Amino acid sequence: MSSSFTPKNLVIAVHPRFPEILNEAQAIADYLKEKGIDAPIGSLHNEDLRKRIKANEFDVLVSVGGDGTILRAGHLCAPSGVPILGINMGKLGFLIQVQRENWREMLDKLLENDFWIEDRLMLRVELFRAGEKQGTWHALNEAVVSRGQYLNPVHISASVDGLELTTYVADGLLAATATGSTAYALAAGGPILPPELRNILIVPIAPHLSIDRAVVLAERSSVSITVHSQNAVLSVDGQTPIGLDAGDRVDVRSAEYSAKFIRFGDLGYFYRNLTAHMNTNPSTGK
């Protein structure tokens, strides 16, 4: 399966805290150098690198790390449409197809144009207070309205496309993408969705005498979550929580752009990857 372009300008992005990952990134850069490609290495937090990626100076970003690293890479690359090739250095790697032991083979395939591009839905998350927009964020995994650090459950209501769905008394409610269905939503008891789906998944977290079933919305539907109690917070893809007041509304819909990932082989990679992880001890990765 071939893509419509041959990448020539690559950049290698890493999480800066782990020397082992930096060593592997250097090995990848050296290998690409042998192939005639000078790929710079940088931290996803480096502002100069971020500006260059946003300016479309690179064809592909190679993310070296775990799911957290590739999640940050998705936020950075999606607006400018830069595809991401993830190389797994973590334990889980639900988002990552290429493992540490086979990246040379996969880089060869990349340079031979033997790959395809997978588009994954991202969410646009907007917070309203007294009718005024307070902020906009984008999520690859999920947006969560929850009780945060407090013990009391939150009272929240959800509506879909302007029609009331139900009211929850729960630890929280999350709106997730298919990508996010293998993240927080999975831990909360939600179903696993194949990555090509562009539906929003609604999952209550520890509901108290409330409906406890996940709901998969129709494609292009949107959900509004209104808070009816104090001390709730909004968290988007695990970023710093934002405090919410009673009456605040969080609107979640499909974003105007998708995250793009480099994939190899047939479309069944997701299920093979999923099966491998479901038979792995999460504490040891074996």
Protein backbone atom coordinates (compact mmCIF):
# COMPACT_ATOMS: atom_id res chain seq x y z
CA MET A 1 0.00 0.00 0.00
CA SER A 2 1.56 3.28 -1.11
CA SER A 3 1.06 6.87 -0.08
CA SER A 4 0.68 9.81 -2.44
CA PHE A 5 3.96 11.42 -1.37
CA THR A 6 7.53 10.44 -0.57
CA PRO A 7 8.82 12.05 2.62
CA LYS A 8 12.14 13.87 2.36
CA ASN A 9 12.12 16.27 5.31
CA LEU A 10 11.83 14.46 8.65
CA VAL A 11 12.12 15.70 12.22
CA ILE A 12 12.58 13.54 15.32
CA ALA A 13 10.68 14.64 18.42
CA VAL A 14 11.29 13.29 21.91
CA HIS A 15 10.31 13.75 25.52
CA PRO A 16 13.39 15.44 27.01
CA ARG A 17 13.41 13.75 30.43
CA PHE A 18 14.62 10.29 29.49
CA PRO A 19 18.26 9.80 28.35
CA GLU A 20 17.49 6.35 26.94
CA ILE A 21 14.99 7.87 24.54
CA LEU A 22 17.48 10.54 23.46
CA ASN A 23 20.01 7.80 22.70
CA GLU A 24 17.48 5.93 20.57
CA ALA A 25 16.53 9.15 18.78
CA GLN A 26 20.19 9.73 17.94
CA ALA A 27 20.44 6.21 16.56
CA ILE A 28 17.41 6.93 14.36
CA ALA A 29 18.96 10.21 13.17
CA ASP A 30 22.24 8.40 12.36
CA TYR A 31 20.36 5.75 10.39
CA LEU A 32 18.50 8.38 8.39
CA LYS A 33 21.80 10.20 7.79
CA GLU A 34 23.09 7.03 6.12
CA LYS A 35 20.06 7.25 3.82
CA GLY A 36 20.88 10.84 2.88
CA ILE A 37 18.34 12.51 5.20
CA ASP A 38 19.46 15.02 7.80
CA ALA A 39 16.69 14.84 10.44
CA PRO A 40 17.04 17.23 13.40
CA ILE A 41 16.21 16.03 16.92
CA GLY A 42 14.23 18.22 19.28
CA SER A 43 11.95 18.35 22.28
CA LEU A 44 8.23 18.77 21.75
CA HIS A 45 8.52 21.65 24.22
CA ASN A 46 11.13 23.50 22.16
CA GLU A 47 9.46 26.64 20.84
CA ASP A 48 11.72 27.00 17.79
CA LEU A 49 10.99 23.42 16.73
CA ARG A 50 7.27 23.94 17.29
CA LYS A 51 7.30 27.02 15.02
CA ARG A 52 9.08 25.08 12.27
CA ILE A 53 6.53 22.25 12.47
CA LYS A 54 3.62 24.68 12.36
CA ALA A 55 5.21 26.32 9.31
CA ASN A 56 5.16 22.96 7.47
CA GLU A 57 8.93 22.70 7.16
CA PHE A 58 8.73 18.92 7.64
CA ASP A 59 6.94 16.10 5.79
CA VAL A 60 6.83 13.71 8.76
CA LEU A 61 7.40 13.97 12.50
CA VAL A 62 8.96 10.88 14.07
CA SER A 63 7.74 10.67 17.68
CA VAL A 64 10.06 8.62 19.91
CA GLY A 65 8.46 7.72 23.24
CA GLY A 66 5.15 6.40 24.52
CA ASP A 67 1.49 7.31 24.10
CA GLY A 68 1.96 10.54 26.05
CA THR A 69 4.64 11.73 23.63
CA ILE A 70 2.60 10.89 20.57
CA LEU A 71 -0.43 12.58 22.11
CA ARG A 72 1.55 15.82 22.44
CA ALA A 73 2.81 15.34 18.89
CA GLY A 74 -0.78 15.00 17.69
CA HIS A 75 -1.76 18.32 19.26
CA LEU A 76 1.21 20.01 17.61
CA CYS A 77 1.02 18.44 14.15
CA ALA A 78 -2.71 18.13 13.48
CA PRO A 79 -3.44 21.83 12.71
CA SER A 80 -0.79 21.90 9.96
CA GLY A 81 -1.50 18.37 8.70
CA VAL A 82 1.97 16.94 9.41
CA PRO A 83 1.79 13.11 9.63
CA ILE A 84 3.28 11.37 12.68
CA LEU A 85 5.31 8.17 12.78
CA GLY A 86 5.36 6.84 16.33
CA ILE A 87 8.20 4.63 17.60
CA ASN A 88 7.24 3.01 20.88
CA MET A 89 9.59 3.34 23.84
CA GLY A 90 6.85 3.03 26.48
CA LYS A 91 4.86 0.14 27.93
CA LEU A 92 1.49 0.37 26.18
CA GLY A 93 1.63 2.25 22.90
CA PHE A 94 -1.99 1.86 21.79
CA LEU A 95 -1.40 4.70 19.32
CA ILE A 96 1.90 3.31 18.06
CA GLN A 97 2.48 0.61 15.46
CA VAL A 98 6.30 0.64 15.27
CA GLN A 99 8.27 -0.95 18.09
CA ARG A 100 11.82 -0.32 19.23
CA GLU A 101 13.12 -3.52 17.66
CA ASN A 102 11.78 -2.93 14.13
CA TRP A 103 12.07 0.81 13.41
CA ARG A 104 14.86 0.31 10.86
CA GLU A 105 12.64 -1.92 8.74
CA MET A 106 9.76 0.52 9.01
CA LEU A 107 11.89 3.56 8.20
CA ASP A 108 12.99 1.74 5.04
CA LYS A 109 9.34 1.25 4.13
CA LEU A 110 8.66 4.92 4.81
CA LEU A 111 11.46 6.04 2.50
CA GLU A 112 10.30 3.54 -0.14
CA ASN A 113 6.82 5.11 -0.06
CA ASP A 114 5.35 1.84 1.27
CA PHE A 115 2.93 3.29 3.83
CA TRP A 116 -0.49 4.88 4.16
CA ILE A 117 -1.95 7.80 6.09
CA GLU A 118 -4.56 7.22 8.80
CA ASP A 119 -6.80 10.15 9.74
CA ARG A 120 -8.06 10.18 13.33
CA LEU A 121 -10.85 12.39 14.60
CA MET A 122 -10.00 15.21 16.96
CA LEU A 123 -12.49 17.08 19.14
CA ARG A 124 -13.13 20.79 19.48
CA VAL A 125 -13.95 21.61 23.12
CA GLU A 126 -15.47 24.97 24.10
CA LEU A 127 -16.29 26.27 27.57
CA PHE A 128 -19.14 28.76 28.07
CA ARG A 129 -19.96 30.70 31.23
CA ALA A 130 -23.04 32.92 31.36
CA GLY A 131 -23.23 32.67 27.57
CA GLU A 132 -19.67 33.90 27.05
CA LYS A 133 -16.99 31.65 25.58
CA GLN A 134 -14.12 31.16 28.04
CA GLY A 135 -11.79 29.10 25.90
CA THR A 136 -11.31 26.55 23.12
CA TRP A 137 -9.19 23.39 23.21
CA HIS A 138 -8.62 20.38 20.98
CA ALA A 139 -8.47 16.75 22.05
CA LEU A 140 -7.21 13.58 20.41
CA ASN A 141 -8.43 11.34 23.27
CA GLU A 142 -11.16 12.97 25.36
CA ALA A 143 -12.67 15.87 27.25
CA VAL A 144 -13.69 15.08 30.84
CA VAL A 145 -15.98 16.97 33.21
CA SER A 146 -15.38 15.52 36.66
CA ARG A 147 -15.30 16.11 40.41
CA GLY A 148 -11.55 16.68 40.33
CA GLN A 149 -9.97 16.47 43.79
CA TYR A 150 -13.29 16.59 45.65
CA LEU A 151 -15.10 13.56 47.07
CA ASN A 152 -18.67 14.54 46.27
CA PRO A 153 -20.08 13.46 42.89
CA VAL A 154 -21.01 16.12 40.39
CA HIS A 155 -24.49 16.77 38.98
CA ILE A 156 -24.27 17.19 35.22
CA SER A 157 -26.66 16.98 32.30
CA ALA A 158 -25.91 16.07 28.71
CA SER A 159 -27.71 17.03 25.51
CA VAL A 160 -27.02 15.78 22.00
CA ASP A 161 -27.57 18.07 19.02
CA GLY A 162 -29.64 20.35 21.25
CA LEU A 163 -31.90 17.58 22.60
CA GLU A 164 -31.65 16.58 26.27
CA LEU A 165 -30.15 13.14 26.76
CA THR A 166 -30.04 12.57 30.53
CA THR A 167 -28.76 13.86 33.87
CA TYR A 168 -25.92 12.18 35.73
CA VAL A 169 -24.85 12.10 39.34
CA ALA A 170 -21.36 10.72 38.91
CA ASP A 171 -17.66 11.20 39.40
CA GLY A 172 -17.68 12.62 35.91
CA LEU A 173 -18.64 12.33 32.28
CA LEU A 174 -16.24 12.02 29.38
CA ALA A 175 -16.64 12.61 25.66
CA ALA A 176 -14.08 10.59 23.74
CA THR A 177 -12.94 9.89 20.21
CA ALA A 178 -12.36 6.37 18.87
CA THR A 179 -8.71 6.98 19.72
CA GLY A 180 -9.71 7.84 23.28
CA SER A 181 -11.80 4.67 23.54
CA THR A 182 -8.60 2.80 24.44
CA ALA A 183 -7.61 5.43 27.03
CA TYR A 184 -9.65 6.87 29.94
CA ALA A 185 -12.93 5.68 28.38
CA LEU A 186 -11.70 2.08 28.45
CA ALA A 187 -10.80 2.39 32.14
CA ALA A 188 -14.29 3.77 32.79
CA GLY A 189 -15.90 0.71 31.18
CA GLY A 190 -16.58 2.06 27.71
CA PRO A 191 -16.41 0.06 24.47
CA ILE A 192 -13.41 -0.04 22.15
CA LEU A 193 -14.07 1.69 18.83
CA PRO A 194 -12.00 1.13 15.67
CA PRO A 195 -9.84 4.17 14.89
CA GLU A 196 -11.48 5.05 11.58
CA LEU A 197 -14.82 5.87 13.25
CA ARG A 198 -15.62 9.58 13.55
CA ASN A 199 -18.18 9.21 16.32
CA ILE A 200 -18.12 10.74 19.80
CA LEU A 201 -18.35 8.30 22.70
CA ILE A 202 -20.03 9.44 25.95
CA VAL A 203 -19.05 7.47 29.07
CA PRO A 204 -20.15 8.20 32.67
CA ILE A 205 -17.51 7.73 35.37
CA ALA A 206 -18.70 5.86 38.48
CA PRO A 207 -22.35 6.96 38.15
CA HIS A 208 -24.44 7.07 41.35
CA LEU A 209 -27.98 5.80 40.73
CA SER A 210 -27.70 7.18 37.19
CA ILE A 211 -27.60 5.57 33.76
CA ASP A 212 -24.33 3.66 33.57
CA ARG A 213 -24.23 2.86 29.87
CA ALA A 214 -21.90 4.42 27.33
CA VAL A 215 -23.51 6.09 24.32
CA VAL A 216 -22.00 6.25 20.83
CA LEU A 217 -23.23 9.34 19.00
CA ALA A 218 -23.92 9.46 15.29
CA GLU A 219 -21.14 10.83 13.13
CA ARG A 220 -20.95 14.65 13.20
CA SER A 221 -23.22 14.86 16.26
CA SER A 222 -22.20 17.15 19.13
CA VAL A 223 -22.68 16.95 22.89
CA SER A 224 -23.19 19.71 25.46
CA ILE A 225 -22.38 19.01 29.11
CA THR A 226 -23.85 21.40 31.69
CA VAL A 227 -22.62 21.48 35.29
CA HIS A 228 -25.25 21.82 38.05
CA SER A 229 -22.93 21.73 41.07
CA GLN A 230 -19.81 23.48 42.31
CA ASN A 231 -16.27 22.15 42.40
CA ALA A 232 -16.28 20.44 39.00
CA VAL A 233 -13.32 20.63 36.62
CA LEU A 234 -12.72 20.26 32.89
CA SER A 235 -9.69 18.32 31.66
CA VAL A 236 -8.80 17.97 27.97
CA ASP A 237 -6.44 15.09 27.10
CA GLY A 238 -5.16 15.01 30.66
CA GLN A 239 -3.94 18.60 30.64
CA THR A 240 -4.15 20.88 33.68
CA PRO A 241 -7.77 20.88 34.96
CA ILE A 242 -9.86 24.03 34.54
CA GLY A 243 -12.21 24.95 37.36
CA LEU A 244 -15.92 25.04 36.53
CA ASP A 245 -18.85 26.87 38.16
CA ALA A 246 -22.47 25.75 38.41
CA GLY A 247 -24.16 26.65 35.14
CA ASP A 248 -21.02 26.29 33.00
CA ARG A 249 -21.47 24.45 29.71
CA VAL A 250 -18.90 22.42 27.79
CA ASP A 251 -19.61 21.86 24.10
CA VAL A 252 -17.82 19.04 22.29
CA ARG A 253 -17.91 18.45 18.54
CA SER A 254 -15.67 17.24 15.72
CA ALA A 255 -12.65 19.46 15.19
CA GLU A 256 -11.94 21.21 11.91
CA TYR A 257 -8.84 19.04 11.37
CA SER A 258 -7.70 15.47 12.05
CA ALA A 259 -4.52 13.93 13.40
CA LYS A 260 -2.58 12.03 10.72
CA PHE A 261 -0.52 8.92 11.44
CA ILE A 262 1.87 6.92 9.27
CA ARG A 263 0.76 3.27 9.07
CA PHE A 264 2.27 0.18 7.47
CA GLY A 265 0.69 -2.99 6.08
CA ASP A 266 -3.02 -3.76 6.09
CA LEU A 267 -5.84 -2.12 8.00
CA GLY A 268 -5.90 -4.91 10.57
CA TYR A 269 -2.88 -3.53 12.43
CA PHE A 270 -5.17 -2.01 15.08
CA TYR A 271 -6.67 -5.34 16.12
CA ARG A 272 -3.28 -7.08 16.20
CA ASN A 273 -1.93 -4.26 18.34
CA LEU A 274 -5.01 -4.39 20.58
CA THR A 275 -4.79 -8.15 21.03
CA ALA A 276 -1.13 -7.90 21.97
CA HIS A 277 -1.86 -5.27 24.62
CA MET A 278 -4.85 -7.14 26.03
CA ASN A 279 -2.56 -10.13 26.65
CA THR A 280 0.15 -7.99 28.27
CA ASN A 281 0.67 -7.29 31.97
CA PRO A 282 0.28 -3.47 32.15
CA SER A 283 2.67 -3.19 35.09
CA THR A 284 5.56 -4.93 33.34
CA GLY A 285 4.74 -4.52 29.64
CA LYS A 286 5.30 -8.28 29.12
